[in-house]
């Protein structure tokens, strides 16, 4: 859990532009995808390629936009574990997806 917490904090710092350069823009597109994948790839099931992981992250955000609540991530953990993620990796995936692609829902995401 500590490794996921450190990775998620690092992801948040990178995407929020808190790297010491106040004028640095938040990464987007392929750069944001690369940061996200760097966080989640090592704990993801081998059956999830990079494109599938990014699509799954966007589905997580879609679920938050349709049902913004803490119950949403509980359902997401269930779906991810049914598809090969450990509970630990599912929590990391949801936290990283939220930080990268829909930070406006971070209050609903699992906390490290």
Protein backbone atom coordinates (compact mmCIF):
# COMPACT_ATOMS: atom_id res chain seq x y z
CA UNK A 1 0.00 0.00 0.00
CA UNK A 2 2.88 2.34 0.78
CA UNK A 3 4.27 1.91 -2.75
CA UNK A 4 0.89 2.83 -4.28
CA UNK A 5 0.63 5.84 -1.96
CA UNK A 6 4.06 7.09 -3.01
CA UNK A 7 3.27 6.46 -6.70
CA UNK A 8 -0.08 8.27 -6.46
CA UNK A 9 1.50 11.24 -4.69
CA UNK A 10 4.16 11.35 -7.39
CA UNK A 11 1.49 11.16 -10.08
CA UNK A 12 -0.46 13.98 -8.45
CA UNK A 13 2.64 16.16 -8.24
CA UNK A 14 3.55 15.51 -11.86
CA UNK A 15 0.11 16.18 -13.27
CA UNK A 16 -0.62 19.16 -11.07
CA UNK A 17 2.54 20.93 -12.15
CA UNK A 18 3.97 21.02 -8.61
CA UNK A 19 7.46 20.15 -9.76
CA UNK A 20 9.02 23.43 -8.67
CA UNK A 21 8.14 25.29 -11.86
CA UNK A 22 4.91 27.20 -11.25
CA UNK A 23 4.33 27.89 -14.95
CA UNK A 24 4.64 24.25 -16.00
CA UNK A 25 1.45 23.03 -17.66
CA UNK A 26 -0.37 19.89 -16.60
CA UNK A 27 0.59 16.99 -18.92
CA UNK A 28 -2.05 15.89 -21.41
CA UNK A 29 -2.50 13.25 -24.08
CA UNK A 30 0.34 10.78 -24.52
CA UNK A 31 2.46 12.41 -21.80
CA UNK A 32 -0.31 11.98 -19.22
CA UNK A 33 -0.96 8.41 -20.40
CA UNK A 34 2.75 7.60 -19.97
CA UNK A 35 2.77 8.93 -16.40
CA UNK A 36 -0.40 7.00 -15.57
CA UNK A 37 0.94 3.78 -17.10
CA UNK A 38 4.21 4.18 -15.20
CA UNK A 39 2.20 4.05 -11.98
CA UNK A 40 -0.21 1.19 -12.75
CA UNK A 41 1.61 -1.10 -15.21
CA UNK A 42 3.66 -3.05 -12.64
CA UNK A 43 0.60 -4.17 -10.65
CA UNK A 44 -1.83 -4.67 -13.53
CA UNK A 45 -2.70 -8.14 -14.82
CA UNK A 46 -0.66 -9.14 -17.89
CA UNK A 47 -3.88 -9.45 -19.90
CA UNK A 48 -4.29 -5.65 -19.73
CA UNK A 49 -2.18 -3.94 -22.37
CA UNK A 50 -1.46 -0.20 -22.18
CA UNK A 51 -4.43 0.79 -24.36
CA UNK A 52 -6.79 -1.32 -22.24
CA UNK A 53 -5.48 0.23 -19.03
CA UNK A 54 -6.03 3.75 -20.36
CA UNK A 55 -9.54 2.83 -21.57
CA UNK A 56 -10.32 1.30 -18.17
CA UNK A 57 -9.14 4.50 -16.48
CA UNK A 58 -11.53 6.53 -18.62
CA UNK A 59 -14.37 4.13 -17.77
CA UNK A 60 -13.60 4.73 -14.08
CA UNK A 61 -13.96 8.47 -14.67
CA UNK A 62 -17.17 7.93 -16.66
CA UNK A 63 -18.59 6.01 -13.70
CA UNK A 64 -17.73 8.86 -11.35
CA UNK A 65 -19.40 11.39 -13.65
CA UNK A 66 -22.57 9.25 -13.77
CA UNK A 67 -22.58 8.35 -10.05
CA UNK A 68 -20.33 10.66 -8.02
CA UNK A 69 -20.09 8.89 -4.67
CA UNK A 70 -17.72 6.82 -2.59
CA UNK A 71 -19.83 3.77 -3.44
CA UNK A 72 -18.66 4.08 -7.05
CA UNK A 73 -15.08 3.04 -6.28
CA UNK A 74 -16.33 0.04 -4.30
CA UNK A 75 -18.13 -1.18 -7.44
CA UNK A 76 -15.03 -0.42 -9.51
CA UNK A 77 -12.85 -2.54 -7.20
CA UNK A 78 -15.29 -5.43 -7.63
CA UNK A 79 -15.20 -5.13 -11.42
CA UNK A 80 -11.41 -4.86 -11.54
CA UNK A 81 -10.86 -7.83 -9.21
CA UNK A 82 -13.24 -9.90 -11.32
CA UNK A 83 -10.97 -9.06 -14.26
CA UNK A 84 -7.68 -10.14 -12.72
CA UNK A 85 -6.58 -7.26 -10.48
CA UNK A 86 -5.73 -7.91 -6.85
CA UNK A 87 -7.65 -5.72 -4.41
CA UNK A 88 -4.46 -3.77 -3.81
CA UNK A 89 -3.85 -3.20 -7.52
CA UNK A 90 -7.51 -2.27 -8.09
CA UNK A 91 -7.28 0.45 -5.45
CA UNK A 92 -4.08 1.74 -7.02
CA UNK A 93 -5.65 1.71 -10.48
CA UNK A 94 -8.69 3.67 -9.29
CA UNK A 95 -6.57 6.19 -7.40
CA UNK A 96 -4.18 6.70 -10.31
CA UNK A 97 -7.00 6.93 -12.88
CA UNK A 98 -8.77 9.51 -10.75
CA UNK A 99 -5.62 11.57 -10.21
CA UNK A 100 -4.70 11.47 -13.89
CA UNK A 101 -7.98 11.77 -15.75
CA UNK A 102 -10.68 13.07 -13.40
CA UNK A 103 -9.13 14.77 -10.36
CA UNK A 104 -12.40 16.58 -9.71
CA UNK A 105 -13.65 13.26 -8.24
CA UNK A 106 -10.63 12.67 -5.98
CA UNK A 107 -12.75 13.10 -2.85
CA UNK A 108 -14.57 9.87 -3.82
CA UNK A 109 -11.50 7.78 -4.72
CA UNK A 110 -9.77 5.34 -2.36
CA UNK A 111 -7.19 6.98 -0.12
CA UNK A 112 -3.72 5.46 0.30
